[in-house]
Amino acid sequence: MSLEEALGTVIRSLNPYTKGKPGSMTLGLPIEISISTAASSSGVAVKDVPVEIDDYHEGRAEWIFKGQPHRVQRALRIQYRHKMDGAAGDADVFATEFLLIGFAGSNGGG
């Protein structure tokens, strides 16, 4: 399993809104972003994913996780959808949620 597949499986498995069921998450509508990238080996390009990107220069962003501060260099907000529970889900009603990812570190890459 590739890193990308493993991360996707972990994210889906730990999602409190979908109870981790396989196939329970789909991407929302793509959002235009200001960076471009080549398609990955899976054929998915960044422009095809509903993601917002915020770069924090000089490590100014700080997230608190488990009571400890972490410097965040870049944050991603990824939109996804899942079927609602119960009768709403049976009627193909979807909820839109967001996954936040913060790249923490000391800016070793520049």
PDB file of N, CA and C in Angstrom:
ATOM      1  N   MET A   1       0.860  -1.179   0.000  1.00  0.00           N
ATOM      2  CA  MET A   1       0.000   0.000   0.000  1.00  0.00           C
ATOM      3  C   MET A   1       0.898   1.231   0.000  1.00  0.00           C
ATOM      4  N   SER A   2       0.581   2.186  -0.864  1.00  0.00           N
ATOM      5  CA  SER A   2       1.378   3.408  -0.939  1.00  0.00           C
ATOM      6  C   SER A   2       1.082   4.304   0.264  1.00  0.00           C
ATOM      7  N   LEU A   3       1.952   5.292   0.486  1.00  0.00           N
ATOM      8  CA  LEU A   3       1.742   6.255   1.563  1.00  0.00           C
ATOM      9  C   LEU A   3       0.395   6.949   1.399  1.00  0.00           C
ATOM     10  N   GLU A   4       0.083   7.356   0.179  1.00  0.00           N
ATOM     11  CA  GLU A   4      -1.173   8.053  -0.084  1.00  0.00           C
ATOM     12  C   GLU A   4      -2.376   7.186   0.265  1.00  0.00           C
ATOM     13  N   GLU A   5      -2.327   5.914  -0.135  1.00  0.00           N
ATOM     14  CA  GLU A   5      -3.428   5.003   0.177  1.00  0.00           C
ATOM     15  C   GLU A   5      -3.543   4.767   1.676  1.00  0.00           C
ATOM     16  N   ALA A   6      -2.399   4.626   2.339  1.00  0.00           N
ATOM     17  CA  ALA A   6      -2.407   4.396   3.785  1.00  0.00           C
ATOM     18  C   ALA A   6      -2.995   5.597   4.529  1.00  0.00           C
ATOM     19  N   LEU A   7      -2.576   6.823   4.137  1.00  0.00           N
ATOM     20  CA  LEU A   7      -3.125   8.020   4.782  1.00  0.00           C
ATOM     21  C   LEU A   7      -4.624   8.136   4.545  1.00  0.00           C
ATOM     22  N   GLY A   8      -5.052   7.872   3.331  1.00  0.00           N
ATOM     23  CA  GLY A   8      -6.478   7.916   3.029  1.00  0.00           C
ATOM     24  C   GLY A   8      -7.261   6.915   3.865  1.00  0.00           C
ATOM     25  N   THR A   9      -6.715   5.730   4.039  1.00  0.00           N
ATOM     26  CA  THR A   9      -7.373   4.706   4.846  1.00  0.00           C
ATOM     27  C   THR A   9      -7.450   5.131   6.308  1.00  0.00           C
ATOM     28  N   VAL A  10      -6.361   5.719   6.837  1.00  0.00           N
ATOM     29  CA  VAL A  10      -6.361   6.191   8.230  1.00  0.00           C
ATOM     30  C   VAL A  10      -7.398   7.292   8.410  1.00  0.00           C
ATOM     31  N   ILE A  11      -7.425   8.262   7.498  1.00  0.00           N
ATOM     32  CA  ILE A  11      -8.379   9.371   7.591  1.00  0.00           C
ATOM     33  C   ILE A  11      -9.805   8.835   7.568  1.00  0.00           C
ATOM     34  N   ARG A  12     -10.101   7.963   6.617  1.00  0.00           N
ATOM     35  CA  ARG A  12     -11.449   7.399   6.531  1.00  0.00           C
ATOM     36  C   ARG A  12     -11.782   6.580   7.769  1.00  0.00           C
ATOM     37  N   SER A  13     -10.864   5.765   8.238  1.00  0.00           N
ATOM     38  CA  SER A  13     -11.108   4.888   9.387  1.00  0.00           C
ATOM     39  C   SER A  13     -11.369   5.653  10.674  1.00  0.00           C
ATOM     40  N   LEU A  14     -10.735   6.812  10.834  1.00  0.00           N
ATOM     41  CA  LEU A  14     -10.861   7.586  12.068  1.00  0.00           C
ATOM     42  C   LEU A  14     -11.905   8.698  11.983  1.00  0.00           C
ATOM     43  N   ASN A  15     -12.622   8.796  10.870  1.00  0.00           N
ATOM     44  CA  ASN A  15     -13.622   9.852  10.698  1.00  0.00           C
ATOM     45  C   ASN A  15     -14.805   9.605  11.642  1.00  0.00           C
ATOM     46  N   PRO A  16     -15.031  10.521  12.601  1.00  0.00           N
ATOM     47  CA  PRO A  16     -16.124  10.302  13.561  1.00  0.00           C
ATOM     48  C   PRO A  16     -17.518  10.468  12.951  1.00  0.00           C
ATOM     49  N   TYR A  17     -17.617  11.079  11.775  1.00  0.00           N
ATOM     50  CA  TYR A  17     -18.920  11.326  11.163  1.00  0.00           C
ATOM     51  C   TYR A  17     -19.401  10.167  10.311  1.00  0.00           C
ATOM     52  N   THR A  18     -18.490   9.325   9.856  1.00  0.00           N
ATOM     53  CA  THR A  18     -18.866   8.229   8.958  1.00  0.00           C
ATOM     54  C   THR A  18     -18.671   6.862   9.589  1.00  0.00           C
ATOM     55  N   LYS A  19     -18.222   6.844  10.832  1.00  0.00           N
ATOM     56  CA  LYS A  19     -17.952   5.594  11.546  1.00  0.00           C
ATOM     57  C   LYS A  19     -16.920   4.738  10.820  1.00  0.00           C
ATOM     58  N   GLY A  20     -16.118   5.367   9.957  1.00  0.00           N
ATOM     59  CA  GLY A  20     -15.009   4.688   9.295  1.00  0.00           C
ATOM     60  C   GLY A  20     -15.381   3.698   8.216  1.00  0.00           C
ATOM     61  N   LYS A  21     -16.617   3.723   7.765  1.00  0.00           N
ATOM     62  CA  LYS A  21     -17.058   2.747   6.769  1.00  0.00           C
ATOM     63  C   LYS A  21     -16.346   2.973   5.428  1.00  0.00           C
ATOM     64  N   PRO A  22     -15.875   1.892   4.790  1.00  0.00           N
ATOM     65  CA  PRO A  22     -15.269   2.026   3.465  1.00  0.00           C
ATOM     66  C   PRO A  22     -16.242   2.661   2.477  1.00  0.00           C
ATOM     67  N   GLY A  23     -15.738   3.547   1.640  1.00  0.00           N
ATOM     68  CA  GLY A  23     -16.551   4.199   0.622  1.00  0.00           C
ATOM     69  C   GLY A  23     -17.481   5.265   1.168  1.00  0.00           C
ATOM     70  N   SER A  24     -17.284   5.683   2.419  1.00  0.00           N
ATOM     71  CA  SER A  24     -18.219   6.616   3.054  1.00  0.00           C
ATOM     72  C   SER A  24     -17.894   8.081   2.802  1.00  0.00           C
ATOM     73  N   MET A  25     -16.734   8.382   2.231  1.00  0.00           N
ATOM     74  CA  MET A  25     -16.336   9.772   1.993  1.00  0.00           C
ATOM     75  C   MET A  25     -16.109   9.996   0.501  1.00  0.00           C
ATOM     76  N   THR A  26     -16.562  11.161   0.014  1.00  0.00           N
ATOM     77  CA  THR A  26     -16.283  11.561  -1.358  1.00  0.00           C
ATOM     78  C   THR A  26     -15.794  12.998  -1.334  1.00  0.00           C
ATOM     79  N   LEU A  27     -15.107  13.401  -2.380  1.00  0.00           N
ATOM     80  CA  LEU A  27     -14.643  14.778  -2.473  1.00  0.00           C
ATOM     81  C   LEU A  27     -15.805  15.690  -2.818  1.00  0.00           C
ATOM     82  N   GLY A  28     -15.712  16.939  -2.335  1.00  0.00           N
ATOM     83  CA  GLY A  28     -16.698  17.948  -2.702  1.00  0.00           C
ATOM     84  C   GLY A  28     -16.366  18.476  -4.091  1.00  0.00           C
ATOM     85  N   LEU A  29     -16.845  19.648  -4.399  1.00  0.00           N
ATOM     86  CA  LEU A  29     -16.561  20.256  -5.691  1.00  0.00           C
ATOM     87  C   LEU A  29     -15.179  20.885  -5.690  1.00  0.00           C
ATOM     88  N   PRO A  30     -14.414  20.756  -6.787  1.00  0.00           N
ATOM     89  CA  PRO A  30     -13.080  21.369  -6.843  1.00  0.00           C
ATOM     90  C   PRO A  30     -13.134  22.877  -6.628  1.00  0.00           C
ATOM     91  N   ILE A  31     -12.122  23.402  -5.962  1.00  0.00           N
ATOM     92  CA  ILE A  31     -11.975  24.831  -5.708  1.00  0.00           C
ATOM     93  C   ILE A  31     -10.745  25.295  -6.476  1.00  0.00           C
ATOM     94  N   GLU A  32     -10.837  26.393  -7.182  1.00  0.00           N
ATOM     95  CA  GLU A  32      -9.670  26.915  -7.888  1.00  0.00           C
ATOM     96  C   GLU A  32      -8.611  27.346  -6.876  1.00  0.00           C
ATOM     97  N   ILE A  33      -7.385  26.885  -7.060  1.00  0.00           N
ATOM     98  CA  ILE A  33      -6.305  27.273  -6.171  1.00  0.00           C
ATOM     99  C   ILE A  33      -5.180  27.881  -6.986  1.00  0.00           C
ATOM    100  N   SER A  34      -4.297  28.588  -6.310  1.00  0.00           N
ATOM    101  CA  SER A  34      -3.296  29.374  -7.011  1.00  0.00           C
ATOM    102  C   SER A  34      -2.025  28.604  -7.347  1.00  0.00           C
ATOM    103  N   ILE A  35      -1.912  27.344  -6.938  1.00  0.00           N
ATOM    104  CA  ILE A  35      -0.716  26.581  -7.293  1.00  0.00           C
ATOM    105  C   ILE A  35      -1.104  25.520  -8.303  1.00  0.00           C
ATOM    106  N   SER A  36      -0.137  25.110  -9.079  1.00  0.00           N
ATOM    107  CA  SER A  36      -0.408  24.033 -10.021  1.00  0.00           C
ATOM    108  C   SER A  36       0.597  22.927  -9.775  1.00  0.00           C
ATOM    109  N   THR A  37       0.195  21.733 -10.061  1.00  0.00           N
ATOM    110  CA  THR A  37       1.076  20.591  -9.875  1.00  0.00           C
ATOM    111  C   THR A  37       0.719  19.531 -10.905  1.00  0.00           C
ATOM    112  N   ALA A  38       1.676  18.716 -11.237  1.00  0.00           N
ATOM    113  CA  ALA A  38       1.422  17.635 -12.182  1.00  0.00           C
ATOM    114  C   ALA A  38       0.563  16.578 -11.514  1.00  0.00           C
ATOM    115  N   ALA A  39      -0.113  15.794 -12.324  1.00  0.00           N
ATOM    116  CA  ALA A  39      -0.925  14.708 -11.775  1.00  0.00           C
ATOM    117  C   ALA A  39      -0.026  13.710 -11.070  1.00  0.00           C
ATOM    118  N   SER A  40      -0.524  13.149  -9.999  1.00  0.00           N
ATOM    119  CA  SER A  40       0.217  12.130  -9.275  1.00  0.00           C
ATOM    120  C   SER A  40       0.095  10.818 -10.030  1.00  0.00           C
ATOM    121  N   SER A  41       0.745   9.791  -9.521  1.00  0.00           N
ATOM    122  CA  SER A  41       0.688   8.489 -10.176  1.00  0.00           C
ATOM    123  C   SER A  41      -0.733   7.937 -10.205  1.00  0.00           C
ATOM    124  N   SER A  42      -1.598   8.433  -9.315  1.00  0.00           N
ATOM    125  CA  SER A  42      -2.989   7.966  -9.300  1.00  0.00           C
ATOM    126  C   SER A  42      -3.836   8.712 -10.327  1.00  0.00           C
ATOM    127  N   GLY A  43      -3.269   9.738 -10.962  1.00  0.00           N
ATOM    128  CA  GLY A  43      -4.007  10.506 -11.941  1.00  0.00           C
ATOM    129  C   GLY A  43      -4.794  11.653 -11.332  1.00  0.00           C
ATOM    130  N   VAL A  44      -4.653  11.904 -10.020  1.00  0.00           N
ATOM    131  CA  VAL A  44      -5.365  12.992  -9.359  1.00  0.00           C
ATOM    132  C   VAL A  44      -4.432  14.182  -9.211  1.00  0.00           C
ATOM    133  N   ALA A  45      -4.811  15.318  -9.746  1.00  0.00           N
ATOM    134  CA  ALA A  45      -4.011  16.532  -9.630  1.00  0.00           C
ATOM    135  C   ALA A  45      -4.575  17.395  -8.516  1.00  0.00           C
ATOM    136  N   VAL A  46      -3.735  18.230  -7.928  1.00  0.00           N
ATOM    137  CA  VAL A  46      -4.183  19.106  -6.852  1.00  0.00           C
ATOM    138  C   VAL A  46      -5.379  19.935  -7.304  1.00  0.00           C
ATOM    139  N   LYS A  47      -5.386  20.367  -8.547  1.00  0.00           N
ATOM    140  CA  LYS A  47      -6.490  21.194  -9.043  1.00  0.00           C
ATOM    141  C   LYS A  47      -7.814  20.447  -9.043  1.00  0.00           C
ATOM    142  N   ASP A  48      -7.797  19.116  -8.944  1.00  0.00           N
ATOM    143  CA  ASP A  48      -9.016  18.316  -8.950  1.00  0.00           C
ATOM    144  C   ASP A  48      -9.568  18.054  -7.552  1.00  0.00           C
ATOM    145  N   VAL A  49      -8.855  18.504  -6.525  1.00  0.00           N
ATOM    146  CA  VAL A  49      -9.253  18.255  -5.143  1.00  0.00           C
ATOM    147  C   VAL A  49      -9.761  19.560  -4.527  1.00  0.00           C
ATOM    148  N   PRO A  50     -10.870  19.523  -3.806  1.00  0.00           N
ATOM    149  CA  PRO A  50     -11.404  20.738  -3.189  1.00  0.00           C
ATOM    150  C   PRO A  50     -10.582  21.126  -1.966  1.00  0.00           C
ATOM    151  N   VAL A  51      -9.488  21.835  -2.211  1.00  0.00           N
ATOM    152  CA  VAL A  51      -8.562  22.179  -1.129  1.00  0.00           C
ATOM    153  C   VAL A  51      -8.282  23.677  -1.136  1.00  0.00           C
ATOM    154  N   GLU A  52      -8.214  24.248   0.066  1.00  0.00           N
ATOM    155  CA  GLU A  52      -7.764  25.620   0.254  1.00  0.00           C
ATOM    156  C   GLU A  52      -6.414  25.533   0.961  1.00  0.00           C
ATOM    157  N   ILE A  53      -5.492  26.399   0.583  1.00  0.00           N
ATOM    158  CA  ILE A  53      -4.135  26.364   1.130  1.00  0.00           C
ATOM    159  C   ILE A  53      -3.811  27.701   1.772  1.00  0.00           C
ATOM    160  N   ASP A  54      -3.232  27.640   2.962  1.00  0.00           N
ATOM    161  CA  ASP A  54      -2.784  28.857   3.637  1.00  0.00           C
ATOM    162  C   ASP A  54      -1.331  28.652   4.054  1.00  0.00           C
ATOM    163  N   ASP A  55      -0.440  29.468   3.528  1.00  0.00           N
ATOM    164  CA  ASP A  55       0.981  29.402   3.881  1.00  0.00           C
ATOM    165  C   ASP A  55       1.263  30.421   4.980  1.00  0.00           C
ATOM    166  N   TYR A  56       1.975  29.987   5.984  1.00  0.00           N
ATOM    167  CA  TYR A  56       2.339  30.857   7.097  1.00  0.00           C
ATOM    168  C   TYR A  56       3.834  31.134   7.004  1.00  0.00           C
ATOM    169  N   HIS A  57       4.184  32.344   6.690  1.00  0.00           N
ATOM    170  CA  HIS A  57       5.586  32.711   6.542  1.00  0.00           C
ATOM    171  C   HIS A  57       6.192  32.965   7.915  1.00  0.00           C
ATOM    172  N   GLU A  58       7.439  32.593   8.059  1.00  0.00           N
ATOM    173  CA  GLU A  58       8.188  32.776   9.304  1.00  0.00           C
ATOM    174  C   GLU A  58       7.561  32.012  10.459  1.00  0.00           C
ATOM    175  N   GLY A  59       6.821  30.918  10.161  1.00  0.00           N
ATOM    176  CA  GLY A  59       6.269  30.058  11.204  1.00  0.00           C
ATOM    177  C   GLY A  59       5.345  30.762  12.174  1.00  0.00           C
ATOM    178  N   ARG A  60       4.596  31.755  11.704  1.00  0.00           N
ATOM    179  CA  ARG A  60       3.751  32.548  12.592  1.00  0.00           C
ATOM    180  C   ARG A  60       2.521  31.801  13.096  1.00  0.00           C
ATOM    181  N   ALA A  61       2.101  30.759  12.393  1.00  0.00           N
ATOM    182  CA  ALA A  61       0.918  30.028  12.838  1.00  0.00           C
ATOM    183  C   ALA A  61       1.305  29.030  13.915  1.00  0.00           C
ATOM    184  N   GLU A  62       0.448  28.927  14.896  1.00  0.00           N
ATOM    185  CA  GLU A  62       0.701  27.980  15.976  1.00  0.00           C
ATOM    186  C   GLU A  62      -0.600  27.266  16.297  1.00  0.00           C
ATOM    187  N   TRP A  63      -0.571  25.958  16.231  1.00  0.00           N
ATOM    188  CA  TRP A  63      -1.723  25.151  16.585  1.00  0.00           C
ATOM    189  C   TRP A  63      -1.423  24.474  17.908  1.00  0.00           C
ATOM    190  N   ILE A  64      -2.417  24.354  18.746  1.00  0.00           N
ATOM    191  CA  ILE A  64      -2.263  23.632  20.008  1.00  0.00           C
ATOM    192  C   ILE A  64      -2.831  22.232  19.808  1.00  0.00           C
ATOM    193  N   PHE A  65      -2.009  21.228  20.058  1.00  0.00           N
ATOM    194  CA  PHE A  65      -2.433  19.839  19.938  1.00  0.00           C
ATOM    195  C   PHE A  65      -2.001  19.111  21.201  1.00  0.00           C
ATOM    196  N   LYS A  66      -2.968  18.518  21.882  1.00  0.00           N
ATOM    197  CA  LYS A  66      -2.721  17.825  23.145  1.00  0.00           C
ATOM    198  C   LYS A  66      -2.001  18.732  24.137  1.00  0.00           C
ATOM    199  N   GLY A  67      -2.385  20.014  24.145  1.00  0.00           N
ATOM    200  CA  GLY A  67      -1.848  20.968  25.090  1.00  0.00           C
ATOM    201  C   GLY A  67      -0.475  21.522  24.747  1.00  0.00           C
ATOM    202  N   GLN A  68       0.100  21.111  23.631  1.00  0.00           N
ATOM    203  CA  GLN A  68       1.432  21.558  23.237  1.00  0.00           C
ATOM    204  C   GLN A  68       1.349  22.411  21.978  1.00  0.00           C
ATOM    205  N   PRO A  69       2.099  23.524  21.921  1.00  0.00           N
ATOM    206  CA  PRO A  69       2.093  24.358  20.712  1.00  0.00           C
ATOM    207  C   PRO A  69       2.935  23.733  19.599  1.00  0.00           C
ATOM    208  N   HIS A  70       2.472  23.864  18.370  1.00  0.00           N
ATOM    209  CA  HIS A  70       3.199  23.369  17.189  1.00  0.00           C
ATOM    210  C   HIS A  70       3.186  24.461  16.135  1.00  0.00           C
ATOM    211  N   ARG A  71       4.367  24.784  15.605  1.00  0.00           N
ATOM    212  CA  ARG A  71       4.455  25.746  14.505  1.00  0.00           C
ATOM    213  C   ARG A  71       3.970  25.083  13.231  1.00  0.00           C
ATOM    214  N   VAL A  72       3.096  25.770  12.512  1.00  0.00           N
ATOM    215  CA  VAL A  72       2.549  25.239  11.269  1.00  0.00           C
ATOM    216  C   VAL A  72       3.018  26.126  10.126  1.00  0.00           C
ATOM    217  N   GLN A  73       3.633  25.509   9.126  1.00  0.00           N
ATOM    218  CA  GLN A  73       4.146  26.232   7.970  1.00  0.00           C
ATOM    219  C   GLN A  73       3.080  26.373   6.888  1.00  0.00           C
ATOM    220  N   ARG A  74       2.290  25.322   6.695  1.00  0.00           N
ATOM    221  CA  ARG A  74       1.228  25.339   5.680  1.00  0.00           C
ATOM    222  C   ARG A  74       0.038  24.570   6.237  1.00  0.00           C
ATOM    223  N   ALA A  75      -1.160  25.072   5.965  1.00  0.00           N
ATOM    224  CA  ALA A  75      -2.384  24.390   6.377  1.00  0.00           C
ATOM    225  C   ALA A  75      -3.244  24.124   5.149  1.00  0.00           C
ATOM    226  N   LEU A  76      -3.890  22.974   5.142  1.00  0.00           N
ATOM    227  CA  LEU A  76      -4.795  22.600   4.070  1.00  0.00           C
ATOM    228  C   LEU A  76      -6.188  22.410   4.654  1.00  0.00           C
ATOM    229  N   ARG A  77      -7.182  22.882   3.963  1.00  0.00           N
ATOM    230  CA  ARG A  77      -8.584  22.672   4.338  1.00  0.00           C
ATOM    231  C   ARG A  77      -9.225  21.956   3.158  1.00  0.00           C
ATOM    232  N   ILE A  78      -9.528  20.669   3.353  1.00  0.00           N
ATOM    233  CA  ILE A  78     -10.016  19.816   2.268  1.00  0.00           C
ATOM    234  C   ILE A  78     -11.499  19.517   2.492  1.00  0.00           C
ATOM    235  N   GLN A  79     -12.294  19.852   1.502  1.00  0.00           N
ATOM    236  CA  GLN A  79     -13.731  19.618   1.584  1.00  0.00           C
ATOM    237  C   GLN A  79     -14.043  18.186   1.172  1.00  0.00           C
ATOM    238  N   TYR A  80     -14.923  17.541   1.933  1.00  0.00           N
ATOM    239  CA  TYR A  80     -15.408  16.227   1.548  1.00  0.00           C
ATOM    240  C   TYR A  80     -16.886  16.129   1.897  1.00  0.00           C
ATOM    241  N   ARG A  81     -17.529  15.093   1.369  1.00  0.00           N
ATOM    242  CA  ARG A  81     -18.952  14.879   1.628  1.00  0.00           C
ATOM    243  C   ARG A  81     -19.176  13.458   2.117  1.00  0.00           C
ATOM    244  N   HIS A  82     -20.235  13.289   2.886  1.00  0.00           N
ATOM    245  CA  HIS A  82     -20.643  11.952   3.307  1.00  0.00           C
ATOM    246  C   HIS A  82     -22.154  11.906   3.422  1.00  0.00           C
ATOM    247  N   LYS A  83     -22.697  10.705   3.248  1.00  0.00           N
ATOM    248  CA  LYS A  83     -24.144  10.548   3.369  1.00  0.00           C
ATOM    249  C   LYS A  83     -24.564  10.758   4.809  1.00  0.00           C
ATOM    250  N   MET A  84     -25.703  11.394   4.992  1.00  0.00           N
ATOM    251  CA  MET A  84     -26.266  11.585   6.319  1.00  0.00           C
ATOM    252  C   MET A  84     -26.719  10.227   6.867  1.00  0.00           C
ATOM    253  N   ASP A  85     -26.846  10.153   8.181  1.00  0.00           N
ATOM    254  CA  ASP A  85     -27.343   8.928   8.815  1.00  0.00           C
ATOM    255  C   ASP A  85     -28.860   8.825   8.667  1.00  0.00           C
ATOM    256  N   GLY A  86     -29.359   7.634   8.781  1.00  0.00           N
ATOM    257  CA  GLY A  86     -30.793   7.394   8.842  1.00  0.00           C
ATOM    258  C   GLY A  86     -31.529   7.679   7.552  1.00  0.00           C
ATOM    259  N   ALA A  87     -32.765   8.162   7.709  1.00  0.00           N
ATOM    260  CA  ALA A  87     -33.651   8.383   6.558  1.00  0.00           C
ATOM    261  C   ALA A  87     -33.068   9.383   5.564  1.00  0.00           C
ATOM    262  N   ALA A  88     -32.371  10.415   6.085  1.00  0.00           N
ATOM    263  CA  ALA A  88     -31.777  11.409   5.177  1.00  0.00           C
ATOM    264  C   ALA A  88     -30.751  10.747   4.258  1.00  0.00           C
ATOM    265  N   GLY A  89     -29.892   9.895   4.822  1.00  0.00           N
ATOM    266  CA  GLY A  89     -28.905   9.187   4.017  1.00  0.00           C
ATOM    267  C   GLY A  89     -29.546   8.245   3.019  1.00  0.00           C
ATOM    268  N   ASP A  90     -30.631   7.599   3.460  1.00  0.00           N
ATOM    269  CA  ASP A  90     -31.353   6.715   2.546  1.00  0.00           C
ATOM    270  C   ASP A  90     -31.928   7.499   1.371  1.00  0.00           C
ATOM    271  N   ALA A  91     -32.196   8.792   1.585  1.00  0.00           N
ATOM    272  CA  ALA A  91     -32.721   9.658   0.526  1.00  0.00           C
ATOM    273  C   ALA A  91     -31.589  10.359  -0.237  1.00  0.00           C
ATOM    274  N   ASP A  92     -30.357   9.866  -0.067  1.00  0.00           N
ATOM    275  CA  ASP A  92     -29.183  10.434  -0.747  1.00  0.00           C
ATOM    276  C   ASP A  92     -28.943  11.897  -0.412  1.00  0.00           C
ATOM    277  N   VAL A  93     -29.093  12.248   0.872  1.00  0.00           N
ATOM    278  CA  VAL A  93     -28.762  13.584   1.356  1.00  0.00           C
ATOM    279  C   VAL A  93     -27.347  13.520   1.920  1.00  0.00           C
ATOM    280  N   PHE A  94     -26.497  14.454   1.477  1.00  0.00           N
ATOM    281  CA  PHE A  94     -25.096  14.462   1.881  1.00  0.00           C
ATOM    282  C   PHE A  94     -24.791  15.676   2.765  1.00  0.00           C
ATOM    283  N   ALA A  95     -23.861  15.497   3.693  1.00  0.00           N
ATOM    284  CA  ALA A  95     -23.343  16.598   4.503  1.00  0.00           C
ATOM    285  C   ALA A  95     -21.967  16.967   3.951  1.00  0.00           C
ATOM    286  N   THR A  96     -21.617  18.236   4.033  1.00  0.00           N
ATOM    287  CA  THR A  96     -20.293  18.692   3.632  1.00  0.00           C
ATOM    288  C   THR A  96     -19.499  19.011   4.886  1.00  0.00           C
ATOM    289  N   GLU A  97     -18.293  18.469   4.988  1.00  0.00           N
ATOM    290  CA  GLU A  97     -17.403  18.674   6.131  1.00  0.00           C
ATOM    291  C   GLU A  97     -16.031  19.060   5.596  1.00  0.00           C
ATOM    292  N   PHE A  98     -15.107  19.323   6.508  1.00  0.00           N
ATOM    293  CA  PHE A  98     -13.747  19.711   6.121  1.00  0.00           C
ATOM    294  C   PHE A  98     -12.722  18.963   6.955  1.00  0.00           C
ATOM    295  N   LEU A  99     -11.631  18.618   6.327  1.00  0.00           N
ATOM    296  CA  LEU A  99     -10.490  18.000   6.974  1.00  0.00           C
ATOM    297  C   LEU A  99      -9.387  19.053   7.006  1.00  0.00           C
ATOM    298  N   LEU A 100      -8.831  19.332   8.186  1.00  0.00           N
ATOM    299  CA  LEU A 100      -7.730  20.288   8.312  1.00  0.00           C
ATOM    300  C   LEU A 100      -6.430  19.529   8.507  1.00  0.00           C
ATOM    301  N   ILE A 101      -5.433  19.887   7.710  1.00  0.00           N
ATOM    302  CA  ILE A 101      -4.107  19.275   7.817  1.00  0.00           C
ATOM    303  C   ILE A 101      -3.103  20.396   7.997  1.00  0.00           C
ATOM    304  N   GLY A 102      -2.277  20.297   9.012  1.00  0.00           N
ATOM    305  CA  GLY A 102      -1.230  21.278   9.250  1.00  0.00           C
ATOM    306  C   GLY A 102       0.136  20.644   9.115  1.00  0.00           C
ATOM    307  N   PHE A 103       0.987  21.214   8.289  1.00  0.00           N
ATOM    308  CA  PHE A 103       2.358  20.735   8.151  1.00  0.00           C
ATOM    309  C   PHE A 103       3.195  21.443   9.205  1.00  0.00           C
ATOM    310  N   ALA A 104       3.538  20.718  10.263  1.00  0.00           N
ATOM    311  CA  ALA A 104       4.275  21.288  11.383  1.00  0.00           C
ATOM    312  C   ALA A 104       5.762  21.038  11.203  1.00  0.00           C
ATOM    313  N   GLY A 105       6.565  21.922  11.778  1.00  0.00           N
ATOM    314  CA  GLY A 105       8.006  21.738  11.700  1.00  0.00           C
ATOM    315  C   GLY A 105       8.736  23.037  11.906  1.00  0.00           C
ATOM    316  N   SER A 106      10.020  22.994  11.654  1.00  0.00           N
ATOM    317  CA  SER A 106      10.867  24.160  11.889  1.00  0.00           C
ATOM    318  C   SER A 106      11.236  24.883  10.608  1.00  0.00           C
ATOM    319  N   ASN A 107      10.494  24.610   9.502  1.00  0.00           N
ATOM    320  CA  ASN A 107      10.761  25.236   8.220  1.00  0.00           C
ATOM    321  C   ASN A 107      12.117  24.809   7.668  1.00  0.00           C
ATOM    322  N   GLY A 108      12.467  23.565   7.879  1.00  0.00           N
ATOM    323  CA  GLY A 108      13.748  23.057   7.395  1.00  0.00           C
ATOM    324  C   GLY A 108      13.861  23.057   5.893  1.00  0.00           C
ATOM    325  N   GLY A 109      12.717  23.053   5.181  1.00  0.00           N
ATOM    326  CA  GLY A 109      12.746  23.021   3.730  1.00  0.00           C
ATOM    327  C   GLY A 109      12.834  24.393   3.094  1.00  0.00           C
ATOM    328  N   GLY A 110      12.933  25.445   3.883  1.00  0.00           N
ATOM    329  CA  GLY A 110      13.050  26.771   3.288  1.00  0.00           C
ATOM    330  C   GLY A 110      11.908  27.595   3.663  1.00  0.00           C
TER     331      GLY A 110
END
